Amino acid sequence: MNSTATHHRWNAIEPEHINAAIARRYINGERVTVARFELKRGGVVPVHAHDNEQISIVLDGALRFTIDGSEIVVRGGEVMQIPGGVPHGVDVLEDTLVIDVFSPVRQDWIDKTDTYFQRR
């Protein structure tokens, strides 16, 4: 177990450009992944599911989540909590900055097996 605190700067983490509308930066702890997404209006995260619980904190902008056939618009200052295993997708309604917290760690990101961004 790491007992040393670590200071991170988002701007010092090289962004991973998923596609033209989505860029992410993330850090992994021992049991959690924290990501900072910069999303451009018109971007799409296709419907997918993962074992990780997800908490999405929209800092600025607006996202439309599709979950269980329902659409929920989440705006700056609002939070969406998604249990692990629940299929969900996102449409980017405005340029958006979001912090996503995942537990456990997103091993699929580490392994580069998160291919759902390529689907539409």
PDB file of N, CA and C in Angstrom:
ATOM      1  N   MET A   1       0.840  -1.184   0.000  1.00  0.00           N
ATOM      2  CA  MET A   1       0.000   0.000   0.000  1.00  0.00           C
ATOM      3  C   MET A   1       0.883   1.245   0.000  1.00  0.00           C
ATOM      4  N   ASN A   2       0.563   2.193  -0.878  1.00  0.00           N
ATOM      5  CA  ASN A   2       1.321   3.438  -0.964  1.00  0.00           C
ATOM      6  C   ASN A   2       0.896   4.362   0.170  1.00  0.00           C
ATOM      7  N   SER A   3       1.830   4.766   0.991  1.00  0.00           N
ATOM      8  CA  SER A   3       1.508   5.644   2.109  1.00  0.00           C
ATOM      9  C   SER A   3       2.012   7.061   1.874  1.00  0.00           C
ATOM     10  N   THR A   4       2.417   7.354   0.647  1.00  0.00           N
ATOM     11  CA  THR A   4       2.925   8.670   0.312  1.00  0.00           C
ATOM     12  C   THR A   4       1.875   9.446  -0.474  1.00  0.00           C
ATOM     13  N   ALA A   5       1.597  10.659  -0.039  1.00  0.00           N
ATOM     14  CA  ALA A   5       0.663  11.514  -0.766  1.00  0.00           C
ATOM     15  C   ALA A   5       1.321  11.971  -2.066  1.00  0.00           C
ATOM     16  N   THR A   6       0.504  12.137  -3.108  1.00  0.00           N
ATOM     17  CA  THR A   6       1.012  12.553  -4.407  1.00  0.00           C
ATOM     18  C   THR A   6       0.225  13.761  -4.892  1.00  0.00           C
ATOM     19  N   HIS A   7       0.940  14.773  -5.330  1.00  0.00           N
ATOM     20  CA  HIS A   7       0.328  15.986  -5.872  1.00  0.00           C
ATOM     21  C   HIS A   7       0.331  15.896  -7.398  1.00  0.00           C
ATOM     22  N   HIS A   8      -0.824  16.104  -8.010  1.00  0.00           N
ATOM     23  CA  HIS A   8      -0.943  16.046  -9.469  1.00  0.00           C
ATOM     24  C   HIS A   8      -1.436  17.394  -9.981  1.00  0.00           C
ATOM     25  N   ARG A   9      -1.059  17.732 -11.188  1.00  0.00           N
ATOM     26  CA  ARG A   9      -1.592  18.891 -11.908  1.00  0.00           C
ATOM     27  C   ARG A   9      -2.205  18.372 -13.201  1.00  0.00           C
ATOM     28  N   TRP A  10      -3.494  18.675 -13.413  1.00  0.00           N
ATOM     29  CA  TRP A  10      -4.151  18.183 -14.624  1.00  0.00           C
ATOM     30  C   TRP A  10      -3.387  18.603 -15.874  1.00  0.00           C
ATOM     31  N   ASN A  11      -2.901  19.841 -15.903  1.00  0.00           N
ATOM     32  CA  ASN A  11      -2.220  20.328 -17.103  1.00  0.00           C
ATOM     33  C   ASN A  11      -0.886  19.644 -17.359  1.00  0.00           C
ATOM     34  N   ALA A  12      -0.350  18.961 -16.365  1.00  0.00           N
ATOM     35  CA  ALA A  12       0.908  18.241 -16.533  1.00  0.00           C
ATOM     36  C   ALA A  12       0.687  16.816 -17.058  1.00  0.00           C
ATOM     37  N   ILE A  13      -0.564  16.383 -17.076  1.00  0.00           N
ATOM     38  CA  ILE A  13      -0.898  15.046 -17.574  1.00  0.00           C
ATOM     39  C   ILE A  13      -1.254  15.176 -19.055  1.00  0.00           C
ATOM     40  N   GLU A  14      -0.555  14.448 -19.884  1.00  0.00           N
ATOM     41  CA  GLU A  14      -0.789  14.510 -21.332  1.00  0.00           C
ATOM     42  C   GLU A  14      -2.210  14.025 -21.641  1.00  0.00           C
ATOM     43  N   PRO A  15      -2.998  14.826 -22.377  1.00  0.00           N
ATOM     44  CA  PRO A  15      -4.352  14.379 -22.708  1.00  0.00           C
ATOM     45  C   PRO A  15      -4.332  13.233 -23.711  1.00  0.00           C
ATOM     46  N   GLU A  16      -5.271  12.345 -23.549  1.00  0.00           N
ATOM     47  CA  GLU A  16      -5.485  11.247 -24.495  1.00  0.00           C
ATOM     48  C   GLU A  16      -6.682  11.646 -25.351  1.00  0.00           C
ATOM     49  N   HIS A  17      -6.460  11.873 -26.635  1.00  0.00           N
ATOM     50  CA  HIS A  17      -7.533  12.293 -27.531  1.00  0.00           C
ATOM     51  C   HIS A  17      -8.239  11.041 -28.047  1.00  0.00           C
ATOM     52  N   ILE A  18      -9.418  10.802 -27.479  1.00  0.00           N
ATOM     53  CA  ILE A  18     -10.197   9.614 -27.834  1.00  0.00           C
ATOM     54  C   ILE A  18     -10.718   9.744 -29.264  1.00  0.00           C
ATOM     55  N   ASN A  19     -11.215  10.932 -29.587  1.00  0.00           N
ATOM     56  CA  ASN A  19     -11.636  11.282 -30.941  1.00  0.00           C
ATOM     57  C   ASN A  19     -11.624  12.804 -31.020  1.00  0.00           C
ATOM     58  N   ALA A  20     -12.156  13.364 -32.091  1.00  0.00           N
ATOM     59  CA  ALA A  20     -12.078  14.823 -32.280  1.00  0.00           C
ATOM     60  C   ALA A  20     -12.836  15.601 -31.212  1.00  0.00           C
ATOM     61  N   ALA A  21     -13.803  14.971 -30.544  1.00  0.00           N
ATOM     62  CA  ALA A  21     -14.649  15.678 -29.583  1.00  0.00           C
ATOM     63  C   ALA A  21     -14.368  15.320 -28.127  1.00  0.00           C
ATOM     64  N   ILE A  22     -13.525  14.329 -27.880  1.00  0.00           N
ATOM     65  CA  ILE A  22     -13.340  13.842 -26.506  1.00  0.00           C
ATOM     66  C   ILE A  22     -11.861  13.681 -26.189  1.00  0.00           C
ATOM     67  N   ALA A  23     -11.446  14.347 -25.113  1.00  0.00           N
ATOM     68  CA  ALA A  23     -10.083  14.184 -24.594  1.00  0.00           C
ATOM     69  C   ALA A  23     -10.177  13.886 -23.107  1.00  0.00           C
ATOM     70  N   ARG A  24      -9.302  12.995 -22.639  1.00  0.00           N
ATOM     71  CA  ARG A  24      -9.313  12.672 -21.210  1.00  0.00           C
ATOM     72  C   ARG A  24      -7.894  12.657 -20.662  1.00  0.00           C
ATOM     73  N   ARG A  25      -7.831  12.972 -19.397  1.00  0.00           N
ATOM     74  CA  ARG A  25      -6.619  12.831 -18.593  1.00  0.00           C
ATOM     75  C   ARG A  25      -7.073  12.077 -17.355  1.00  0.00           C
ATOM     76  N   TYR A  26      -6.246  11.190 -16.848  1.00  0.00           N
ATOM     77  CA  TYR A  26      -6.684  10.473 -15.652  1.00  0.00           C
ATOM     78  C   TYR A  26      -5.504  10.048 -14.797  1.00  0.00           C
ATOM     79  N   ILE A  27      -5.842   9.811 -13.546  1.00  0.00           N
ATOM     80  CA  ILE A  27      -4.876   9.266 -12.592  1.00  0.00           C
ATOM     81  C   ILE A  27      -5.521   8.061 -11.916  1.00  0.00           C
ATOM     82  N   ASN A  28      -4.697   7.115 -11.555  1.00  0.00           N
ATOM     83  CA  ASN A  28      -5.166   5.926 -10.856  1.00  0.00           C
ATOM     84  C   ASN A  28      -4.616   5.909  -9.441  1.00  0.00           C
ATOM     85  N   GLY A  29      -5.488   5.651  -8.492  1.00  0.00           N
ATOM     86  CA  GLY A  29      -5.068   5.339  -7.145  1.00  0.00           C
ATOM     87  C   GLY A  29      -5.040   3.832  -7.018  1.00  0.00           C
ATOM     88  N   GLU A  30      -5.007   3.351  -5.814  1.00  0.00           N
ATOM     89  CA  GLU A  30      -5.007   1.902  -5.619  1.00  0.00           C
ATOM     90  C   GLU A  30      -6.378   1.294  -5.887  1.00  0.00           C
ATOM     91  N   ARG A  31      -7.452   2.051  -5.628  1.00  0.00           N
ATOM     92  CA  ARG A  31      -8.800   1.519  -5.781  1.00  0.00           C
ATOM     93  C   ARG A  31      -9.745   2.415  -6.566  1.00  0.00           C
ATOM     94  N   VAL A  32      -9.205   3.478  -7.149  1.00  0.00           N
ATOM     95  CA  VAL A  32     -10.066   4.438  -7.826  1.00  0.00           C
ATOM     96  C   VAL A  32      -9.332   5.063  -9.019  1.00  0.00           C
ATOM     97  N   THR A  33     -10.097   5.394 -10.053  1.00  0.00           N
ATOM     98  CA  THR A  33      -9.602   6.178 -11.176  1.00  0.00           C
ATOM     99  C   THR A  33     -10.369   7.490 -11.183  1.00  0.00           C
ATOM    100  N   VAL A  34      -9.646   8.598 -11.330  1.00  0.00           N
ATOM    101  CA  VAL A  34     -10.258   9.917 -11.447  1.00  0.00           C
ATOM    102  C   VAL A  34      -9.852  10.478 -12.804  1.00  0.00           C
ATOM    103  N   ALA A  35     -10.850  10.901 -13.577  1.00  0.00           N
ATOM    104  CA  ALA A  35     -10.600  11.389 -14.935  1.00  0.00           C
ATOM    105  C   ALA A  35     -11.161  12.787 -15.108  1.00  0.00           C
ATOM    106  N   ARG A  36     -10.485  13.539 -15.942  1.00  0.00           N
ATOM    107  CA  ARG A  36     -10.951  14.870 -16.344  1.00  0.00           C
ATOM    108  C   ARG A  36     -11.196  14.806 -17.842  1.00  0.00           C
ATOM    109  N   PHE A  37     -12.458  14.946 -18.238  1.00  0.00           N
ATOM    110  CA  PHE A  37     -12.845  14.901 -19.644  1.00  0.00           C
ATOM    111  C   PHE A  37     -13.141  16.301 -20.149  1.00  0.00           C
ATOM    112  N   GLU A  38     -12.615  16.602 -21.325  1.00  0.00           N
ATOM    113  CA  GLU A  38     -12.971  17.811 -22.055  1.00  0.00           C
ATOM    114  C   GLU A  38     -13.747  17.334 -23.278  1.00  0.00           C
ATOM    115  N   LEU A  39     -15.020  17.706 -23.333  1.00  0.00           N
ATOM    116  CA  LEU A  39     -15.922  17.216 -24.373  1.00  0.00           C
ATOM    117  C   LEU A  39     -16.444  18.385 -25.201  1.00  0.00           C
ATOM    118  N   LYS A  40     -16.446  18.217 -26.502  1.00  0.00           N
ATOM    119  CA  LYS A  40     -16.934  19.258 -27.395  1.00  0.00           C
ATOM    120  C   LYS A  40     -18.369  18.965 -27.808  1.00  0.00           C
ATOM    121  N   ARG A  41     -19.135  20.049 -27.950  1.00  0.00           N
ATOM    122  CA  ARG A  41     -20.533  19.935 -28.365  1.00  0.00           C
ATOM    123  C   ARG A  41     -20.653  19.043 -29.594  1.00  0.00           C
ATOM    124  N   GLY A  42     -21.626  18.138 -29.558  1.00  0.00           N
ATOM    125  CA  GLY A  42     -21.841  17.211 -30.657  1.00  0.00           C
ATOM    126  C   GLY A  42     -21.138  15.878 -30.460  1.00  0.00           C
ATOM    127  N   GLY A  43     -20.258  15.787 -29.485  1.00  0.00           N
ATOM    128  CA  GLY A  43     -19.567  14.529 -29.207  1.00  0.00           C
ATOM    129  C   GLY A  43     -20.524  13.472 -28.673  1.00  0.00           C
ATOM    130  N   VAL A  44     -20.132  12.216 -28.836  1.00  0.00           N
ATOM    131  CA  VAL A  44     -20.963  11.095 -28.400  1.00  0.00           C
ATOM    132  C   VAL A  44     -20.093  10.050 -27.710  1.00  0.00           C
ATOM    133  N   VAL A  45     -20.563   9.588 -26.563  1.00  0.00           N
ATOM    134  CA  VAL A  45     -19.991   8.396 -25.930  1.00  0.00           C
ATOM    135  C   VAL A  45     -21.040   7.309 -26.149  1.00  0.00           C
ATOM    136  N   PRO A  46     -20.756   6.324 -27.015  1.00  0.00           N
ATOM    137  CA  PRO A  46     -21.752   5.290 -27.324  1.00  0.00           C
ATOM    138  C   PRO A  46     -22.180   4.519 -26.072  1.00  0.00           C
ATOM    139  N   VAL A  47     -23.353   3.938 -26.149  1.00  0.00           N
ATOM    140  CA  VAL A  47     -23.859   3.131 -25.036  1.00  0.00           C
ATOM    141  C   VAL A  47     -22.868   2.017 -24.749  1.00  0.00           C
ATOM    142  N   HIS A  48     -22.550   1.863 -23.481  1.00  0.00           N
ATOM    143  CA  HIS A  48     -21.602   0.847 -23.029  1.00  0.00           C
ATOM    144  C   HIS A  48     -21.880   0.564 -21.556  1.00  0.00           C
ATOM    145  N   ALA A  49     -21.251  -0.442 -21.031  1.00  0.00           N
ATOM    146  CA  ALA A  49     -21.341  -0.768 -19.606  1.00  0.00           C
ATOM    147  C   ALA A  49     -19.975  -1.236 -19.143  1.00  0.00           C
ATOM    148  N   HIS A  50     -19.700  -1.038 -17.882  1.00  0.00           N
ATOM    149  CA  HIS A  50     -18.460  -1.518 -17.275  1.00  0.00           C
ATOM    150  C   HIS A  50     -18.754  -1.881 -15.824  1.00  0.00           C
ATOM    151  N   ASP A  51     -17.899  -2.688 -15.255  1.00  0.00           N
ATOM    152  CA  ASP A  51     -18.102  -3.140 -13.875  1.00  0.00           C
ATOM    153  C   ASP A  51     -17.921  -2.018 -12.860  1.00  0.00           C
ATOM    154  N   ASN A  52     -17.279  -0.941 -13.269  1.00  0.00           N
ATOM    155  CA  ASN A  52     -16.947   0.151 -12.349  1.00  0.00           C
ATOM    156  C   ASN A  52     -18.165   0.996 -12.013  1.00  0.00           C
ATOM    157  N   GLU A  53     -18.322   1.326 -10.728  1.00  0.00           N
ATOM    158  CA  GLU A  53     -19.265   2.362 -10.350  1.00  0.00           C
ATOM    159  C   GLU A  53     -18.710   3.675 -10.878  1.00  0.00           C
ATOM    160  N   GLN A  54     -19.587   4.571 -11.333  1.00  0.00           N
ATOM    161  CA  GLN A  54     -19.147   5.840 -11.924  1.00  0.00           C
ATOM    162  C   GLN A  54     -19.904   6.994 -11.292  1.00  0.00           C
ATOM    163  N   ILE A  55     -19.173   8.016 -10.952  1.00  0.00           N
ATOM    164  CA  ILE A  55     -19.779   9.273 -10.511  1.00  0.00           C
ATOM    165  C   ILE A  55     -19.242  10.359 -11.427  1.00  0.00           C
ATOM    166  N   SER A  56     -20.142  11.018 -12.162  1.00  0.00           N
ATOM    167  CA  SER A  56     -19.768  12.066 -13.111  1.00  0.00           C
ATOM    168  C   SER A  56     -20.176  13.417 -12.543  1.00  0.00           C
ATOM    169  N   ILE A  57     -19.190  14.291 -12.375  1.00  0.00           N
ATOM    170  CA  ILE A  57     -19.398  15.615 -11.816  1.00  0.00           C
ATOM    171  C   ILE A  57     -19.222  16.619 -12.952  1.00  0.00           C
ATOM    172  N   VAL A  58     -20.312  17.200 -13.415  1.00  0.00           N
ATOM    173  CA  VAL A  58     -20.245  18.162 -14.506  1.00  0.00           C
ATOM    174  C   VAL A  58     -19.877  19.515 -13.912  1.00  0.00           C
ATOM    175  N   LEU A  59     -18.708  20.017 -14.280  1.00  0.00           N
ATOM    176  CA  LEU A  59     -18.245  21.299 -13.769  1.00  0.00           C
ATOM    177  C   LEU A  59     -18.795  22.454 -14.593  1.00  0.00           C
ATOM    178  N   ASP A  60     -18.878  22.248 -15.905  1.00  0.00           N
ATOM    179  CA  ASP A  60     -19.351  23.296 -16.808  1.00  0.00           C
ATOM    180  C   ASP A  60     -19.881  22.624 -18.058  1.00  0.00           C
ATOM    181  N   GLY A  61     -20.984  23.135 -18.607  1.00  0.00           N
ATOM    182  CA  GLY A  61     -21.547  22.578 -19.825  1.00  0.00           C
ATOM    183  C   GLY A  61     -22.774  21.734 -19.541  1.00  0.00           C
ATOM    184  N   ALA A  62     -23.094  20.839 -20.482  1.00  0.00           N
ATOM    185  CA  ALA A  62     -24.289  20.002 -20.348  1.00  0.00           C
ATOM    186  C   ALA A  62     -24.114  18.700 -21.124  1.00  0.00           C
ATOM    187  N   LEU A  63     -24.531  17.601 -20.498  1.00  0.00           N
ATOM    188  CA  LEU A  63     -24.487  16.266 -21.086  1.00  0.00           C
ATOM    189  C   LEU A  63     -25.879  15.645 -20.993  1.00  0.00           C
ATOM    190  N   ARG A  64     -26.250  14.872 -22.017  1.00  0.00           N
ATOM    191  CA  ARG A  64     -27.480  14.096 -21.958  1.00  0.00           C
ATOM    192  C   ARG A  64     -27.097  12.620 -21.823  1.00  0.00           C
ATOM    193  N   PHE A  65     -27.378  12.065 -20.660  1.00  0.00           N
ATOM    194  CA  PHE A  65     -27.131  10.649 -20.399  1.00  0.00           C
ATOM    195  C   PHE A  65     -28.361   9.863 -20.835  1.00  0.00           C
ATOM    196  N   THR A  66     -28.134   8.719 -21.479  1.00  0.00           N
ATOM    197  CA  THR A  66     -29.205   7.778 -21.783  1.00  0.00           C
ATOM    198  C   THR A  66     -28.956   6.542 -20.933  1.00  0.00           C
ATOM    199  N   ILE A  67     -29.903   6.275 -20.033  1.00  0.00           N
ATOM    200  CA  ILE A  67     -29.774   5.155 -19.098  1.00  0.00           C
ATOM    201  C   ILE A  67     -31.128   4.474 -18.992  1.00  0.00           C
ATOM    202  N   ASP A  68     -31.165   3.166 -19.236  1.00  0.00           N
ATOM    203  CA  ASP A  68     -32.407   2.392 -19.137  1.00  0.00           C
ATOM    204  C   ASP A  68     -33.538   3.010 -19.941  1.00  0.00           C
ATOM    205  N   GLY A  69     -33.222   3.541 -21.142  1.00  0.00           N
ATOM    206  CA  GLY A  69     -34.244   4.118 -21.999  1.00  0.00           C
ATOM    207  C   GLY A  69     -34.681   5.522 -21.608  1.00  0.00           C
ATOM    208  N   SER A  70     -34.157   6.052 -20.518  1.00  0.00           N
ATOM    209  CA  SER A  70     -34.479   7.412 -20.087  1.00  0.00           C
ATOM    210  C   SER A  70     -33.340   8.350 -20.436  1.00  0.00           C
ATOM    211  N   GLU A  71     -33.697   9.598 -20.727  1.00  0.00           N
ATOM    212  CA  GLU A  71     -32.693  10.621 -20.988  1.00  0.00           C
ATOM    213  C   GLU A  71     -32.681  11.604 -19.827  1.00  0.00           C
ATOM    214  N   ILE A  72     -31.484  11.891 -19.332  1.00  0.00           N
ATOM    215  CA  ILE A  72     -31.320  12.788 -18.200  1.00  0.00           C
ATOM    216  C   ILE A  72     -30.255  13.814 -18.577  1.00  0.00           C
ATOM    217  N   VAL A  73     -30.616  15.098 -18.557  1.00  0.00           N
ATOM    218  CA  VAL A  73     -29.660  16.156 -18.850  1.00  0.00           C
ATOM    219  C   VAL A  73     -29.000  16.575 -17.533  1.00  0.00           C
ATOM    220  N   VAL A  74     -27.668  16.572 -17.540  1.00  0.00           N
ATOM    221  CA  VAL A  74     -26.882  16.931 -16.361  1.00  0.00           C
ATOM    222  C   VAL A  74     -26.054  18.154 -16.737  1.00  0.00           C
ATOM    223  N   ARG A  75     -26.211  19.215 -15.954  1.00  0.00           N
ATOM    224  CA  ARG A  75     -25.558  20.495 -16.257  1.00  0.00           C
ATOM    225  C   ARG A  75     -24.498  20.821 -15.209  1.00  0.00           C
ATOM    226  N   GLY A  76     -23.735  21.885 -15.483  1.00  0.00           N
ATOM    227  CA  GLY A  76     -22.713  22.328 -14.545  1.00  0.00           C
ATOM    228  C   GLY A  76     -23.262  22.435 -13.128  1.00  0.00           C
ATOM    229  N   GLY A  77     -22.526  21.890 -12.166  1.00  0.00           N
ATOM    230  CA  GLY A  77     -22.956  21.892 -10.769  1.00  0.00           C
ATOM    231  C   GLY A  77     -23.807  20.700 -10.387  1.00  0.00           C
ATOM    232  N   GLU A  78     -24.027  19.777 -11.343  1.00  0.00           N
ATOM    233  CA  GLU A  78     -24.834  18.585 -11.068  1.00  0.00           C
ATOM    234  C   GLU A  78     -23.981  17.325 -11.200  1.00  0.00           C
ATOM    235  N   VAL A  79     -24.494  16.234 -10.634  1.00  0.00           N
ATOM    236  CA  VAL A  79     -23.745  14.980 -10.563  1.00  0.00           C
ATOM    237  C   VAL A  79     -24.642  13.830 -11.004  1.00  0.00           C
ATOM    238  N   MET A  80     -24.065  12.882 -11.757  1.00  0.00           N
ATOM    239  CA  MET A  80     -24.759  11.655 -12.143  1.00  0.00           C
ATOM    240  C   MET A  80     -24.020  10.471 -11.522  1.00  0.00           C
ATOM    241  N   GLN A  81     -24.744   9.610 -10.831  1.00  0.00           N
ATOM    242  CA  GLN A  81     -24.171   8.405 -10.229  1.00  0.00           C
ATOM    243  C   GLN A  81     -24.711   7.203 -10.994  1.00  0.00           C
ATOM    244  N   ILE A  82     -23.794   6.362 -11.497  1.00  0.00           N
ATOM    245  CA  ILE A  82     -24.175   5.199 -12.299  1.00  0.00           C
ATOM    246  C   ILE A  82     -23.591   3.945 -11.652  1.00  0.00           C
ATOM    247  N   PRO A  83     -24.433   3.013 -11.236  1.00  0.00           N
ATOM    248  CA  PRO A  83     -23.917   1.767 -10.656  1.00  0.00           C
ATOM    249  C   PRO A  83     -23.137   0.953 -11.698  1.00  0.00           C
ATOM    250  N   GLY A  84     -22.230   0.128 -11.242  1.00  0.00           N
ATOM    251  CA  GLY A  84     -21.494  -0.753 -12.134  1.00  0.00           C
ATOM    252  C   GLY A  84     -22.434  -1.673 -12.894  1.00  0.00           C
ATOM    253  N   GLY A  85     -22.101  -1.947 -14.150  1.00  0.00           N
ATOM    254  CA  GLY A  85     -22.872  -2.878 -14.965  1.00  0.00           C
ATOM    255  C   GLY A  85     -24.073  -2.280 -15.675  1.00  0.00           C
ATOM    256  N   VAL A  86     -24.390  -1.011 -15.436  1.00  0.00           N
ATOM    257  CA  VAL A  86     -25.563  -0.379 -16.042  1.00  0.00           C
ATOM    258  C   VAL A  86     -25.183   0.246 -17.394  1.00  0.00           C
ATOM    259  N   PRO A  87     -25.825  -0.174 -18.490  1.00  0.00           N
ATOM    260  CA  PRO A  87     -25.531   0.424 -19.796  1.00  0.00           C
ATOM    261  C   PRO A  87     -25.903   1.911 -19.811  1.00  0.00           C
ATOM    262  N   HIS A  88     -25.027   2.719 -20.394  1.00  0.00           N
ATOM    263  CA  HIS A  88     -25.265   4.161 -20.470  1.00  0.00           C
ATOM    264  C   HIS A  88     -24.486   4.740 -21.647  1.00  0.00           C
ATOM    265  N   GLY A  89     -25.003   5.839 -22.163  1.00  0.00           N
ATOM    266  CA  GLY A  89     -24.359   6.577 -23.238  1.00  0.00           C
ATOM    267  C   GLY A  89     -24.510   8.061 -22.956  1.00  0.00           C
ATOM    268  N   VAL A  90     -23.750   8.881 -23.688  1.00  0.00           N
ATOM    269  CA  VAL A  90     -23.761  10.322 -23.445  1.00  0.00           C
ATOM    270  C   VAL A  90     -23.729  11.067 -24.776  1.00  0.00           C
ATOM    271  N   ASP A  91     -24.564  12.097 -24.865  1.00  0.00           N
ATOM    272  CA  ASP A  91     -24.501  13.070 -25.950  1.00  0.00           C
ATOM    273  C   ASP A  91     -24.050  14.387 -25.339  1.00  0.00           C
ATOM    274  N   VAL A  92     -23.081  15.027 -25.969  1.00  0.00           N
ATOM    275  CA  VAL A  92     -22.528  16.277 -25.455  1.00  0.00           C
ATOM    276  C   VAL A  92     -23.340  17.429 -26.046  1.00  0.00           C
ATOM    277  N   LEU A  93     -24.115  18.119 -25.195  1.00  0.00           N
ATOM    278  CA  LEU A  93     -25.011  19.187 -25.645  1.00  0.00           C
ATOM    279  C   LEU A  93     -24.305  20.532 -25.762  1.00  0.00           C
ATOM    280  N   GLU A  94     -23.286  20.742 -24.950  1.00  0.00           N
ATOM    281  CA  GLU A  94     -22.491  21.971 -24.947  1.00  0.00           C
ATOM    282  C   GLU A  94     -21.051  21.559 -24.682  1.00  0.00           C
ATOM    283  N   ASP A  95     -20.096  22.412 -25.023  1.00  0.00           N
ATOM    284  CA  ASP A  95     -18.726  22.142 -24.601  1.00  0.00           C
ATOM    285  C   ASP A  95     -18.766  21.922 -23.091  1.00  0.00           C
ATOM    286  N   THR A  96     -18.165  20.833 -22.630  1.00  0.00           N
ATOM    287  CA  THR A  96     -18.345  20.412 -21.238  1.00  0.00           C
ATOM    288  C   THR A  96     -17.031  19.983 -20.618  1.00  0.00           C
ATOM    289  N   LEU A  97     -16.883  20.314 -19.350  1.00  0.00           N
ATOM    290  CA  LEU A  97     -15.770  19.844 -18.531  1.00  0.00           C
ATOM    291  C   LEU A  97     -16.369  18.992 -17.427  1.00  0.00           C
ATOM    292  N   VAL A  98     -15.894  17.759 -17.313  1.00  0.00           N
ATOM    293  CA  VAL A  98     -16.467  16.825 -16.333  1.00  0.00           C
ATOM    294  C   VAL A  98     -15.348  16.066 -15.628  1.00  0.00           C
ATOM    295  N   ILE A  99     -15.552  15.804 -14.360  1.00  0.00           N
ATOM    296  CA  ILE A  99     -14.680  14.921 -13.587  1.00  0.00           C
ATOM    297  C   ILE A  99     -15.451  13.630 -13.360  1.00  0.00           C
ATOM    298  N   ASP A 100     -14.865  12.508 -13.766  1.00  0.00           N
ATOM    299  CA  ASP A 100     -15.464  11.196 -13.536  1.00  0.00           C
ATOM    300  C   ASP A 100     -14.621  10.445 -12.517  1.00  0.00           C
ATOM    301  N   VAL A 101     -15.309   9.820 -11.583  1.00  0.00           N
ATOM    302  CA  VAL A 101     -14.653   9.001 -10.561  1.00  0.00           C
ATOM    303  C   VAL A 101     -15.165   7.576 -10.734  1.00  0.00           C
ATOM    304  N   PHE A 102     -14.242   6.626 -10.816  1.00  0.00           N
ATOM    305  CA  PHE A 102     -14.583   5.225 -11.033  1.00  0.00           C
ATOM    306  C   PHE A 102     -13.975   4.357  -9.933  1.00  0.00           C
ATOM    307  N   SER A 103     -14.757   3.399  -9.478  1.00  0.00           N
ATOM    308  CA  SER A 103     -14.236   2.399  -8.553  1.00  0.00           C
ATOM    309  C   SER A 103     -14.787   1.049  -8.979  1.00  0.00           C
ATOM    310  N   PRO A 104     -13.931   0.035  -9.092  1.00  0.00           N
ATOM    311  CA  PRO A 104     -12.481   0.063  -8.914  1.00  0.00           C
ATOM    312  C   PRO A 104     -11.791   0.760 -10.081  1.00  0.00           C
ATOM    313  N   VAL A 105     -10.464   0.687 -10.092  1.00  0.00           N
ATOM    314  CA  VAL A 105      -9.623   1.300 -11.126  1.00  0.00           C
ATOM    315  C   VAL A 105     -10.072   0.821 -12.510  1.00  0.00           C
ATOM    316  N   ARG A 106     -10.025   1.719 -13.511  1.00  0.00           N
ATOM    317  CA  ARG A 106     -10.380   1.390 -14.892  1.00  0.00           C
ATOM    318  C   ARG A 106      -9.244   0.631 -15.568  1.00  0.00           C
ATOM    319  N   GLN A 107      -9.194  -0.653 -15.325  1.00  0.00           N
ATOM    320  CA  GLN A 107      -8.145  -1.495 -15.901  1.00  0.00           C
ATOM    321  C   GLN A 107      -8.222  -1.506 -17.423  1.00  0.00           C
ATOM    322  N   ASP A 108      -9.440  -1.377 -17.975  1.00  0.00           N
ATOM    323  CA  ASP A 108      -9.573  -1.357 -19.440  1.00  0.00           C
ATOM    324  C   ASP A 108      -8.887  -0.136 -20.047  1.00  0.00           C
ATOM    325  N   TRP A 109      -8.822   0.970 -19.322  1.00  0.00           N
ATOM    326  CA  TRP A 109      -8.087   2.134 -19.826  1.00  0.00           C
ATOM    327  C   TRP A 109      -6.589   1.868 -19.801  1.00  0.00           C
ATOM    328  N   ILE A 110      -6.132   1.260 -18.734  1.00  0.00           N
ATOM    329  CA  ILE A 110      -4.709   0.933 -18.605  1.00  0.00           C
ATOM    330  C   ILE A 110      -4.293  -0.035 -19.712  1.00  0.00           C
ATOM    331  N   ASP A 111      -5.139  -1.039 -19.959  1.00  0.00           N
ATOM    332  CA  ASP A 111      -4.859  -2.061 -20.972  1.00  0.00           C
ATOM    333  C   ASP A 111      -5.191  -1.605 -22.397  1.00  0.00           C
ATOM    334  N   LYS A 112      -5.829  -0.426 -22.538  1.00  0.00           N
ATOM    335  CA  LYS A 112      -6.247   0.111 -23.845  1.00  0.00           C
ATOM    336  C   LYS A 112      -7.255  -0.805 -24.548  1.00  0.00           C
ATOM    337  N   THR A 113      -8.177  -1.386 -23.761  1.00  0.00           N
ATOM    338  CA  THR A 113      -9.210  -2.264 -24.323  1.00  0.00           C
ATOM    339  C   THR A 113     -10.592  -1.622 -24.281  1.00  0.00           C
ATOM    340  N   ASP A 114     -10.670  -0.334 -24.017  1.00  0.00           N
ATOM    341  CA  ASP A 114     -11.956   0.379 -23.960  1.00  0.00           C
ATOM    342  C   ASP A 114     -12.347   0.849 -25.358  1.00  0.00           C
ATOM    343  N   THR A 115     -12.766  -0.087 -26.185  1.00  0.00           N
ATOM    344  CA  THR A 115     -13.018   0.201 -27.593  1.00  0.00           C
ATOM    345  C   THR A 115     -14.420   0.744 -27.863  1.00  0.00           C
ATOM    346  N   TYR A 116     -15.254   0.906 -26.846  1.00  0.00           N
ATOM    347  CA  TYR A 116     -16.617   1.368 -27.055  1.00  0.00           C
ATOM    348  C   TYR A 116     -16.672   2.781 -27.645  1.00  0.00           C
ATOM    349  N   PHE A 117     -15.627   3.586 -27.479  1.00  0.00           N
ATOM    350  CA  PHE A 117     -15.622   4.935 -28.064  1.00  0.00           C
ATOM    351  C   PHE A 117     -15.615   4.868 -29.584  1.00  0.00           C
ATOM    352  N   GLN A 118     -15.180   3.760 -30.156  1.00  0.00           N
ATOM    353  CA  GLN A 118     -15.088   3.638 -31.596  1.00  0.00           C
ATOM    354  C   GLN A 118     -16.446   3.282 -32.208  1.00  0.00           C
ATOM    355  N   ARG A 119     -17.398   2.812 -31.379  1.00  0.00           N
ATOM    356  CA  ARG A 119     -18.730   2.443 -31.879  1.00  0.00           C
ATOM    357  C   ARG A 119     -19.622   3.667 -31.958  1.00  0.00           C
ATOM    358  N   ARG A 120     -20.569   3.630 -32.886  1.00  0.00           N
ATOM    359  CA  ARG A 120     -21.594   4.698 -32.967  1.00  0.00           C
ATOM    360  C   ARG A 120     -22.866   4.141 -33.489  1.00  0.00           C
TER     361      ARG A 120
END
